[in-house]
PDB file of N, CA and C in Angstrom:
ATOM      1  N   MET A   1     -49.300 -33.008 -15.746  1.00  0.00           N
ATOM      2  CA  MET A   1     -50.065 -32.479 -16.855  1.00  0.00           C
ATOM      3  C   MET A   1     -50.521 -33.646 -17.722  1.00  0.00           C
ATOM      4  N   PHE A   2     -51.753 -33.601 -18.181  1.00  0.00           N
ATOM      5  CA  PHE A   2     -52.339 -34.641 -19.019  1.00  0.00           C
ATOM      6  C   PHE A   2     -52.196 -34.257 -20.481  1.00  0.00           C
ATOM      7  N   GLU A   3     -51.613 -35.138 -21.273  1.00  0.00           N
ATOM      8  CA  GLU A   3     -51.437 -34.859 -22.699  1.00  0.00           C
ATOM      9  C   GLU A   3     -52.087 -35.952 -23.518  1.00  0.00           C
ATOM     10  N   VAL A   4     -52.664 -35.552 -24.638  1.00  0.00           N
ATOM     11  CA  VAL A   4     -53.303 -36.495 -25.542  1.00  0.00           C
ATOM     12  C   VAL A   4     -52.687 -36.323 -26.917  1.00  0.00           C
ATOM     13  N   LEU A   5     -52.345 -37.431 -27.545  1.00  0.00           N
ATOM     14  CA  LEU A   5     -51.834 -37.387 -28.906  1.00  0.00           C
ATOM     15  C   LEU A   5     -53.018 -37.312 -29.857  1.00  0.00           C
ATOM     16  N   ILE A   6     -53.039 -36.288 -30.689  1.00  0.00           N
ATOM     17  CA  ILE A   6     -54.151 -36.094 -31.617  1.00  0.00           C
ATOM     18  C   ILE A   6     -53.642 -36.354 -33.028  1.00  0.00           C
ATOM     19  N   HIS A   7     -54.329 -37.233 -33.705  1.00  0.00           N
ATOM     20  CA  HIS A   7     -53.925 -37.584 -35.066  1.00  0.00           C
ATOM     21  C   HIS A   7     -54.566 -36.676 -36.098  1.00  0.00           C
ATOM     22  N   SER A   8     -55.699 -36.109 -35.749  1.00  0.00           N
ATOM     23  CA  SER A   8     -56.406 -35.257 -36.701  1.00  0.00           C
ATOM     24  C   SER A   8     -57.108 -34.138 -35.949  1.00  0.00           C
ATOM     25  N   LEU A   9     -56.857 -32.913 -36.367  1.00  0.00           N
ATOM     26  CA  LEU A   9     -57.485 -31.743 -35.762  1.00  0.00           C
ATOM     27  C   LEU A   9     -58.046 -30.883 -36.881  1.00  0.00           C
ATOM     28  N   GLN A  10     -59.282 -30.490 -36.720  1.00  0.00           N
ATOM     29  CA  GLN A  10     -59.907 -29.647 -37.729  1.00  0.00           C
ATOM     30  C   GLN A  10     -60.593 -28.474 -37.040  1.00  0.00           C
ATOM     31  N   PHE A  11     -60.239 -27.259 -37.469  1.00  0.00           N
ATOM     32  CA  PHE A  11     -60.910 -26.076 -36.946  1.00  0.00           C
ATOM     33  C   PHE A  11     -62.146 -25.774 -37.781  1.00  0.00           C
ATOM     34  N   HIS A  12     -63.107 -25.146 -37.151  1.00  0.00           N
ATOM     35  CA  HIS A  12     -64.353 -24.795 -37.836  1.00  0.00           C
ATOM     36  C   HIS A  12     -64.032 -23.866 -39.003  1.00  0.00           C
ATOM     37  N   PRO A  13     -64.590 -24.136 -40.193  1.00  0.00           N
ATOM     38  CA  PRO A  13     -64.272 -23.303 -41.360  1.00  0.00           C
ATOM     39  C   PRO A  13     -64.680 -21.838 -41.220  1.00  0.00           C
ATOM     40  N   ILE A  14     -65.629 -21.545 -40.369  1.00  0.00           N
ATOM     41  CA  ILE A  14     -66.066 -20.150 -40.192  1.00  0.00           C
ATOM     42  C   ILE A  14     -64.940 -19.285 -39.618  1.00  0.00           C
ATOM     43  N   LEU A  15     -64.000 -19.919 -38.917  1.00  0.00           N
ATOM     44  CA  LEU A  15     -62.902 -19.152 -38.310  1.00  0.00           C
ATOM     45  C   LEU A  15     -62.012 -18.488 -39.351  1.00  0.00           C
ATOM     46  N   SER A  16     -61.978 -19.023 -40.548  1.00  0.00           N
ATOM     47  CA  SER A  16     -61.145 -18.422 -41.598  1.00  0.00           C
ATOM     48  C   SER A  16     -61.880 -17.316 -42.350  1.00  0.00           C
ATOM     49  N   THR A  17     -63.106 -17.030 -41.964  1.00  0.00           N
ATOM     50  CA  THR A  17     -63.895 -16.010 -42.663  1.00  0.00           C
ATOM     51  C   THR A  17     -64.181 -14.787 -41.806  1.00  0.00           C
ATOM     52  N   ILE A  18     -63.502 -14.653 -40.694  1.00  0.00           N
ATOM     53  CA  ILE A  18     -63.753 -13.548 -39.761  1.00  0.00           C
ATOM     54  C   ILE A  18     -63.057 -12.281 -40.241  1.00  0.00           C
ATOM     55  N   SER A  19     -63.786 -11.197 -40.220  1.00  0.00           N
ATOM     56  CA  SER A  19     -63.234  -9.881 -40.539  1.00  0.00           C
ATOM     57  C   SER A  19     -63.362  -9.021 -39.290  1.00  0.00           C
ATOM     58  N   TYR A  20     -62.215  -8.675 -38.713  1.00  0.00           N
ATOM     59  CA  TYR A  20     -62.220  -7.913 -37.461  1.00  0.00           C
ATOM     60  C   TYR A  20     -60.904  -7.172 -37.307  1.00  0.00           C
ATOM     61  N   ARG A  21     -60.989  -5.927 -36.839  1.00  0.00           N
ATOM     62  CA  ARG A  21     -59.797  -5.132 -36.548  1.00  0.00           C
ATOM     63  C   ARG A  21     -59.703  -4.987 -35.029  1.00  0.00           C
ATOM     64  N   PHE A  22     -58.552  -5.376 -34.466  1.00  0.00           N
ATOM     65  CA  PHE A  22     -58.372  -5.307 -33.020  1.00  0.00           C
ATOM     66  C   PHE A  22     -58.671  -3.911 -32.505  1.00  0.00           C
ATOM     67  N   GLY A  23     -59.401  -3.870 -31.409  1.00  0.00           N
ATOM     68  CA  GLY A  23     -59.769  -2.603 -30.796  1.00  0.00           C
ATOM     69  C   GLY A  23     -61.191  -2.185 -31.124  1.00  0.00           C
ATOM     70  N   ASP A  24     -61.766  -2.776 -32.179  1.00  0.00           N
ATOM     71  CA  ASP A  24     -63.157  -2.456 -32.528  1.00  0.00           C
ATOM     72  C   ASP A  24     -64.123  -3.148 -31.564  1.00  0.00           C
ATOM     73  N   GLU A  25     -65.341  -2.646 -31.531  1.00  0.00           N
ATOM     74  CA  GLU A  25     -66.388  -3.253 -30.725  1.00  0.00           C
ATOM     75  C   GLU A  25     -66.863  -4.547 -31.391  1.00  0.00           C
ATOM     76  N   PHE A  26     -67.565  -5.389 -30.630  1.00  0.00           N
ATOM     77  CA  PHE A  26     -68.058  -6.663 -31.140  1.00  0.00           C
ATOM     78  C   PHE A  26     -68.974  -6.471 -32.348  1.00  0.00           C
ATOM     79  N   ASP A  27     -69.756  -5.402 -32.347  1.00  0.00           N
ATOM     80  CA  ASP A  27     -70.702  -5.195 -33.458  1.00  0.00           C
ATOM     81  C   ASP A  27     -69.993  -4.839 -34.767  1.00  0.00           C
ATOM     82  N   ARG A  28     -68.693  -4.593 -34.727  1.00  0.00           N
ATOM     83  CA  ARG A  28     -67.913  -4.333 -35.955  1.00  0.00           C
ATOM     84  C   ARG A  28     -67.338  -5.622 -36.543  1.00  0.00           C
ATOM     85  N   LEU A  29     -67.463  -6.727 -35.813  1.00  0.00           N
ATOM     86  CA  LEU A  29     -66.960  -8.010 -36.272  1.00  0.00           C
ATOM     87  C   LEU A  29     -67.911  -8.572 -37.334  1.00  0.00           C
ATOM     88  N   ASN A  30     -67.355  -9.071 -38.427  1.00  0.00           N
ATOM     89  CA  ASN A  30     -68.162  -9.619 -39.523  1.00  0.00           C
ATOM     90  C   ASN A  30     -67.673 -10.996 -39.912  1.00  0.00           C
ATOM     91  N   ILE A  31     -68.587 -11.753 -40.513  1.00  0.00           N
ATOM     92  CA  ILE A  31     -68.255 -13.061 -41.070  1.00  0.00           C
ATOM     93  C   ILE A  31     -68.517 -12.979 -42.562  1.00  0.00           C
ATOM     94  N   LEU A  32     -67.483 -13.243 -43.338  1.00  0.00           N
ATOM     95  CA  LEU A  32     -67.570 -13.158 -44.792  1.00  0.00           C
ATOM     96  C   LEU A  32     -68.363 -14.339 -45.337  1.00  0.00           C
ATOM     97  N   THR A  33     -69.302 -14.075 -46.237  1.00  0.00           N
ATOM     98  CA  THR A  33     -70.066 -15.142 -46.879  1.00  0.00           C
ATOM     99  C   THR A  33     -69.371 -15.566 -48.162  1.00  0.00           C
ATOM    100  N   LYS A  34     -69.744 -16.718 -48.683  1.00  0.00           N
ATOM    101  CA  LYS A  34     -69.118 -17.186 -49.922  1.00  0.00           C
ATOM    102  C   LYS A  34     -69.529 -16.358 -51.129  1.00  0.00           C
ATOM    103  N   HIS A  35     -70.520 -15.483 -50.964  1.00  0.00           N
ATOM    104  CA  HIS A  35     -70.952 -14.605 -52.050  1.00  0.00           C
ATOM    105  C   HIS A  35     -70.338 -13.205 -51.951  1.00  0.00           C
ATOM    106  N   GLY A  36     -69.413 -13.017 -51.003  1.00  0.00           N
ATOM    107  CA  GLY A  36     -68.724 -11.743 -50.872  1.00  0.00           C
ATOM    108  C   GLY A  36     -69.395 -10.757 -49.936  1.00  0.00           C
ATOM    109  N   GLY A  37     -70.491 -11.147 -49.324  1.00  0.00           N
ATOM    110  CA  GLY A  37     -71.167 -10.275 -48.367  1.00  0.00           C
ATOM    111  C   GLY A  37     -70.685 -10.528 -46.950  1.00  0.00           C
ATOM    112  N   PHE A  38     -71.269  -9.817 -46.008  1.00  0.00           N
ATOM    113  CA  PHE A  38     -70.907  -9.976 -44.608  1.00  0.00           C
ATOM    114  C   PHE A  38     -72.144 -10.237 -43.770  1.00  0.00           C
ATOM    115  N   LEU A  39     -71.980 -11.046 -42.729  1.00  0.00           N
ATOM    116  CA  LEU A  39     -73.041 -11.297 -41.761  1.00  0.00           C
ATOM    117  C   LEU A  39     -72.513 -10.988 -40.370  1.00  0.00           C
ATOM    118  N   LYS A  40     -73.403 -10.620 -39.481  1.00  0.00           N
ATOM    119  CA  LYS A  40     -73.049 -10.423 -38.078  1.00  0.00           C
ATOM    120  C   LYS A  40     -73.098 -11.772 -37.374  1.00  0.00           C
ATOM    121  N   PRO A  41     -72.257 -12.004 -36.369  1.00  0.00           N
ATOM    122  CA  PRO A  41     -72.258 -13.288 -35.661  1.00  0.00           C
ATOM    123  C   PRO A  41     -73.642 -13.693 -35.145  1.00  0.00           C
ATOM    124  N   ALA A  42     -74.444 -12.744 -34.705  1.00  0.00           N
ATOM    125  CA  ALA A  42     -75.777 -13.064 -34.183  1.00  0.00           C
ATOM    126  C   ALA A  42     -76.682 -13.673 -35.257  1.00  0.00           C
ATOM    127  N   ASP A  43     -76.349 -13.451 -36.523  1.00  0.00           N
ATOM    128  CA  ASP A  43     -77.154 -13.974 -37.626  1.00  0.00           C
ATOM    129  C   ASP A  43     -76.650 -15.315 -38.151  1.00  0.00           C
ATOM    130  N   VAL A  44     -75.616 -15.855 -37.520  1.00  0.00           N
ATOM    131  CA  VAL A  44     -74.998 -17.098 -37.995  1.00  0.00           C
ATOM    132  C   VAL A  44     -75.109 -18.157 -36.888  1.00  0.00           C
ATOM    133  N   VAL A  45     -75.926 -19.172 -37.143  1.00  0.00           N
ATOM    134  CA  VAL A  45     -76.144 -20.236 -36.159  1.00  0.00           C
ATOM    135  C   VAL A  45     -74.844 -20.969 -35.836  1.00  0.00           C
ATOM    136  N   ALA A  46     -73.958 -21.069 -36.797  1.00  0.00           N
ATOM    137  CA  ALA A  46     -72.713 -21.832 -36.633  1.00  0.00           C
ATOM    138  C   ALA A  46     -71.790 -21.262 -35.561  1.00  0.00           C
ATOM    139  N   VAL A  47     -72.009 -20.042 -35.101  1.00  0.00           N
ATOM    140  CA  VAL A  47     -71.124 -19.497 -34.061  1.00  0.00           C
ATOM    141  C   VAL A  47     -71.264 -20.270 -32.748  1.00  0.00           C
ATOM    142  N   ASN A  48     -72.337 -21.046 -32.631  1.00  0.00           N
ATOM    143  CA  ASN A  48     -72.528 -21.864 -31.430  1.00  0.00           C
ATOM    144  C   ASN A  48     -71.915 -23.250 -31.558  1.00  0.00           C
ATOM    145  N   ASP A  49     -71.337 -23.560 -32.721  1.00  0.00           N
ATOM    146  CA  ASP A  49     -70.660 -24.841 -32.932  1.00  0.00           C
ATOM    147  C   ASP A  49     -69.335 -24.867 -32.185  1.00  0.00           C
ATOM    148  N   PHE A  50     -68.852 -26.080 -31.925  1.00  0.00           N
ATOM    149  CA  PHE A  50     -67.511 -26.206 -31.362  1.00  0.00           C
ATOM    150  C   PHE A  50     -66.513 -25.623 -32.341  1.00  0.00           C
ATOM    151  N   ALA A  51     -65.468 -25.005 -31.816  1.00  0.00           N
ATOM    152  CA  ALA A  51     -64.460 -24.353 -32.653  1.00  0.00           C
ATOM    153  C   ALA A  51     -63.553 -25.360 -33.344  1.00  0.00           C
ATOM    154  N   SER A  52     -63.511 -26.582 -32.838  1.00  0.00           N
ATOM    155  CA  SER A  52     -62.637 -27.593 -33.438  1.00  0.00           C
ATOM    156  C   SER A  52     -63.219 -28.985 -33.232  1.00  0.00           C
ATOM    157  N   ILE A  53     -62.720 -29.893 -34.045  1.00  0.00           N
ATOM    158  CA  ILE A  53     -63.017 -31.308 -33.875  1.00  0.00           C
ATOM    159  C   ILE A  53     -61.669 -31.999 -33.771  1.00  0.00           C
ATOM    160  N   PRO A  54     -61.366 -32.667 -32.686  1.00  0.00           N
ATOM    161  CA  PRO A  54     -62.194 -32.779 -31.487  1.00  0.00           C
ATOM    162  C   PRO A  54     -62.277 -31.453 -30.744  1.00  0.00           C
ATOM    163  N   SER A  55     -63.244 -31.361 -29.838  1.00  0.00           N
ATOM    164  CA  SER A  55     -63.399 -30.117 -29.079  1.00  0.00           C
ATOM    165  C   SER A  55     -62.421 -30.106 -27.899  1.00  0.00           C
ATOM    166  N   PHE A  56     -62.072 -28.894 -27.475  1.00  0.00           N
ATOM    167  CA  PHE A  56     -61.158 -28.688 -26.352  1.00  0.00           C
ATOM    168  C   PHE A  56     -61.770 -27.706 -25.375  1.00  0.00           C
ATOM    169  N   THR A  57     -61.328 -27.758 -24.129  1.00  0.00           N
ATOM    170  CA  THR A  57     -61.788 -26.795 -23.133  1.00  0.00           C
ATOM    171  C   THR A  57     -60.869 -25.585 -23.069  1.00  0.00           C
ATOM    172  N   LYS A  58     -59.715 -25.669 -23.727  1.00  0.00           N
ATOM    173  CA  LYS A  58     -58.727 -24.583 -23.703  1.00  0.00           C
ATOM    174  C   LYS A  58     -58.071 -24.469 -25.075  1.00  0.00           C
ATOM    175  N   VAL A  59     -58.065 -23.253 -25.604  1.00  0.00           N
ATOM    176  CA  VAL A  59     -57.382 -22.965 -26.863  1.00  0.00           C
ATOM    177  C   VAL A  59     -56.594 -21.675 -26.675  1.00  0.00           C
ATOM    178  N   ASP A  60     -55.347 -21.669 -27.058  1.00  0.00           N
ATOM    179  CA  ASP A  60     -54.537 -20.452 -27.049  1.00  0.00           C
ATOM    180  C   ASP A  60     -54.336 -20.026 -28.498  1.00  0.00           C
ATOM    181  N   MET A  61     -54.928 -18.907 -28.869  1.00  0.00           N
ATOM    182  CA  MET A  61     -54.733 -18.379 -30.225  1.00  0.00           C
ATOM    183  C   MET A  61     -53.412 -17.630 -30.251  1.00  0.00           C
ATOM    184  N   ILE A  62     -52.591 -17.934 -31.211  1.00  0.00           N
ATOM    185  CA  ILE A  62     -51.304 -17.258 -31.374  1.00  0.00           C
ATOM    186  C   ILE A  62     -51.384 -16.462 -32.672  1.00  0.00           C
ATOM    187  N   ILE A  63     -51.331 -15.145 -32.538  1.00  0.00           N
ATOM    188  CA  ILE A  63     -51.516 -14.253 -33.679  1.00  0.00           C
ATOM    189  C   ILE A  63     -50.239 -13.448 -33.897  1.00  0.00           C
ATOM    190  N   PRO A  64     -49.624 -13.601 -35.078  1.00  0.00           N
ATOM    191  CA  PRO A  64     -48.424 -12.813 -35.367  1.00  0.00           C
ATOM    192  C   PRO A  64     -48.762 -11.325 -35.426  1.00  0.00           C
ATOM    193  N   THR A  65     -47.840 -10.508 -34.994  1.00  0.00           N
ATOM    194  CA  THR A  65     -48.054  -9.066 -35.035  1.00  0.00           C
ATOM    195  C   THR A  65     -46.978  -8.401 -35.884  1.00  0.00           C
ATOM    196  N   VAL A  66     -47.318  -7.273 -36.446  1.00  0.00           N
ATOM    197  CA  VAL A  66     -46.374  -6.535 -37.275  1.00  0.00           C
ATOM    198  C   VAL A  66     -45.488  -5.650 -36.395  1.00  0.00           C
ATOM    199  N   GLN A  67     -46.079  -5.045 -35.393  1.00  0.00           N
ATOM    200  CA  GLN A  67     -45.359  -4.059 -34.584  1.00  0.00           C
ATOM    201  C   GLN A  67     -44.438  -4.686 -33.540  1.00  0.00           C
ATOM    202  N   HIS A  68     -44.715  -5.908 -33.131  1.00  0.00           N
ATOM    203  CA  HIS A  68     -43.963  -6.506 -32.032  1.00  0.00           C
ATOM    204  C   HIS A  68     -43.198  -7.720 -32.542  1.00  0.00           C
ATOM    205  N   THR A  69     -42.147  -8.063 -31.830  1.00  0.00           N
ATOM    206  CA  THR A  69     -41.384  -9.247 -32.207  1.00  0.00           C
ATOM    207  C   THR A  69     -42.044 -10.519 -31.690  1.00  0.00           C
ATOM    208  N   ARG A  70     -42.842 -10.390 -30.641  1.00  0.00           N
ATOM    209  CA  ARG A  70     -43.528 -11.560 -30.088  1.00  0.00           C
ATOM    210  C   ARG A  70     -44.975 -11.578 -30.557  1.00  0.00           C
ATOM    211  N   PRO A  71     -45.531 -12.769 -30.780  1.00  0.00           N
ATOM    212  CA  PRO A  71     -46.927 -12.851 -31.208  1.00  0.00           C
ATOM    213  C   PRO A  71     -47.876 -12.533 -30.054  1.00  0.00           C
ATOM    214  N   LEU A  72     -49.077 -12.194 -30.404  1.00  0.00           N
ATOM    215  CA  LEU A  72     -50.143 -11.970 -29.433  1.00  0.00           C
ATOM    216  C   LEU A  72     -50.752 -13.323 -29.103  1.00  0.00           C
ATOM    217  N   ILE A  73     -50.834 -13.662 -27.823  1.00  0.00           N
ATOM    218  CA  ILE A  73     -51.424 -14.940 -27.403  1.00  0.00           C
ATOM    219  C   ILE A  73     -52.731 -14.635 -26.676  1.00  0.00           C
ATOM    220  N   ILE A  74     -53.823 -15.179 -27.214  1.00  0.00           N
ATOM    221  CA  ILE A  74     -55.147 -14.938 -26.648  1.00  0.00           C
ATOM    222  C   ILE A  74     -55.697 -16.262 -26.128  1.00  0.00           C
ATOM    223  N   PRO A  75     -55.839 -16.390 -24.796  1.00  0.00           N
ATOM    224  CA  PRO A  75     -56.389 -17.631 -24.239  1.00  0.00           C
ATOM    225  C   PRO A  75     -57.915 -17.653 -24.350  1.00  0.00           C
ATOM    226  N   VAL A  76     -58.446 -18.815 -24.686  1.00  0.00           N
ATOM    227  CA  VAL A  76     -59.892 -19.009 -24.770  1.00  0.00           C
ATOM    228  C   VAL A  76     -60.231 -20.245 -23.947  1.00  0.00           C
ATOM    229  N   ARG A  77     -61.198 -20.116 -23.040  1.00  0.00           N
ATOM    230  CA  ARG A  77     -61.568 -21.228 -22.163  1.00  0.00           C
ATOM    231  C   ARG A  77     -63.084 -21.418 -22.149  1.00  0.00           C
ATOM    232  N   ASN A  78     -63.508 -22.675 -22.127  1.00  0.00           N
ATOM    233  CA  ASN A  78     -64.906 -23.025 -21.928  1.00  0.00           C
ATOM    234  C   ASN A  78     -64.916 -24.471 -21.447  1.00  0.00           C
ATOM    235  N   LEU A  79     -65.348 -24.701 -20.214  1.00  0.00           N
ATOM    236  CA  LEU A  79     -65.327 -26.045 -19.635  1.00  0.00           C
ATOM    237  C   LEU A  79     -66.227 -27.021 -20.382  1.00  0.00           C
ATOM    238  N   ASP A  80     -67.182 -26.499 -21.137  1.00  0.00           N
ATOM    239  CA  ASP A  80     -68.072 -27.350 -21.930  1.00  0.00           C
ATOM    240  C   ASP A  80     -67.540 -27.560 -23.349  1.00  0.00           C
ATOM    241  N   GLY A  81     -66.392 -26.986 -23.667  1.00  0.00           N
ATOM    242  CA  GLY A  81     -65.802 -27.065 -25.005  1.00  0.00           C
ATOM    243  C   GLY A  81     -65.832 -25.700 -25.655  1.00  0.00           C
ATOM    244  N   VAL A  82     -64.693 -25.259 -26.169  1.00  0.00           N
ATOM    245  CA  VAL A  82     -64.584 -23.937 -26.805  1.00  0.00           C
ATOM    246  C   VAL A  82     -65.433 -23.912 -28.071  1.00  0.00           C
ATOM    247  N   ARG A  83     -66.263 -22.897 -28.167  1.00  0.00           N
ATOM    248  CA  ARG A  83     -67.139 -22.713 -29.320  1.00  0.00           C
ATOM    249  C   ARG A  83     -66.657 -21.508 -30.138  1.00  0.00           C
ATOM    250  N   VAL A  84     -67.130 -21.408 -31.356  1.00  0.00           N
ATOM    251  CA  VAL A  84     -66.737 -20.298 -32.233  1.00  0.00           C
ATOM    252  C   VAL A  84     -66.998 -18.963 -31.542  1.00  0.00           C
ATOM    253  N   VAL A  85     -68.152 -18.813 -30.900  1.00  0.00           N
ATOM    254  CA  VAL A  85     -68.492 -17.547 -30.247  1.00  0.00           C
ATOM    255  C   VAL A  85     -67.520 -17.222 -29.116  1.00  0.00           C
ATOM    256  N   ASP A  86     -66.970 -18.234 -28.453  1.00  0.00           N
ATOM    257  CA  ASP A  86     -65.971 -17.996 -27.404  1.00  0.00           C
ATOM    258  C   ASP A  86     -64.711 -17.357 -28.008  1.00  0.00           C
ATOM    259  N   ILE A  87     -64.324 -17.815 -29.186  1.00  0.00           N
ATOM    260  CA  ILE A  87     -63.157 -17.260 -29.864  1.00  0.00           C
ATOM    261  C   ILE A  87     -63.444 -15.818 -30.296  1.00  0.00           C
ATOM    262  N   LEU A  88     -64.638 -15.569 -30.831  1.00  0.00           N
ATOM    263  CA  LEU A  88     -64.996 -14.207 -31.236  1.00  0.00           C
ATOM    264  C   LEU A  88     -64.996 -13.272 -30.041  1.00  0.00           C
ATOM    265  N   ASP A  89     -65.566 -13.716 -28.924  1.00  0.00           N
ATOM    266  CA  ASP A  89     -65.576 -12.897 -27.690  1.00  0.00           C
ATOM    267  C   ASP A  89     -64.157 -12.604 -27.218  1.00  0.00           C
ATOM    268  N   ALA A  90     -63.285 -13.610 -27.287  1.00  0.00           N
ATOM    269  CA  ALA A  90     -61.901 -13.427 -26.836  1.00  0.00           C
ATOM    270  C   ALA A  90     -61.158 -12.431 -27.714  1.00  0.00           C
ATOM    271  N   LEU A  91     -61.410 -12.456 -29.019  1.00  0.00           N
ATOM    272  CA  LEU A  91     -60.775 -11.481 -29.918  1.00  0.00           C
ATOM    273  C   LEU A  91     -61.149 -10.061 -29.536  1.00  0.00           C
ATOM    274  N   VAL A  92     -62.419  -9.850 -29.261  1.00  0.00           N
ATOM    275  CA  VAL A  92     -62.901  -8.507 -28.931  1.00  0.00           C
ATOM    276  C   VAL A  92     -62.427  -8.084 -27.543  1.00  0.00           C
ATOM    277  N   THR A  93     -62.398  -9.015 -26.609  1.00  0.00           N
ATOM    278  CA  THR A  93     -61.964  -8.704 -25.237  1.00  0.00           C
ATOM    279  C   THR A  93     -60.500  -8.327 -25.198  1.00  0.00           C
ATOM    280  N   GLU A  94     -59.696  -8.953 -26.059  1.00  0.00           N
ATOM    281  CA  GLU A  94     -58.264  -8.676 -26.089  1.00  0.00           C
ATOM    282  C   GLU A  94     -58.070  -7.271 -26.536  1.00  0.00           C
TER     283      GLU A  94
END
């Protein structure tokens, strides 16, 4: 296995503004604006940005759950580098 030591990792700030309830369709997913409104992912150019700096081809999202003792792990893959839209798609697919 190949491992790289990373001194600095930054996730895209849009990831902290996602409003989504598991089980809903993709069109129910919203991105909160700084003015308190919501936008659909199709209206936000930044969803095509890399999800992190540096970019990775594999990201495992670990989401704590209330009902279960184990967290929900959602794998996200993109050989060209995981983008914000890949993470949004993975949330909805899960």
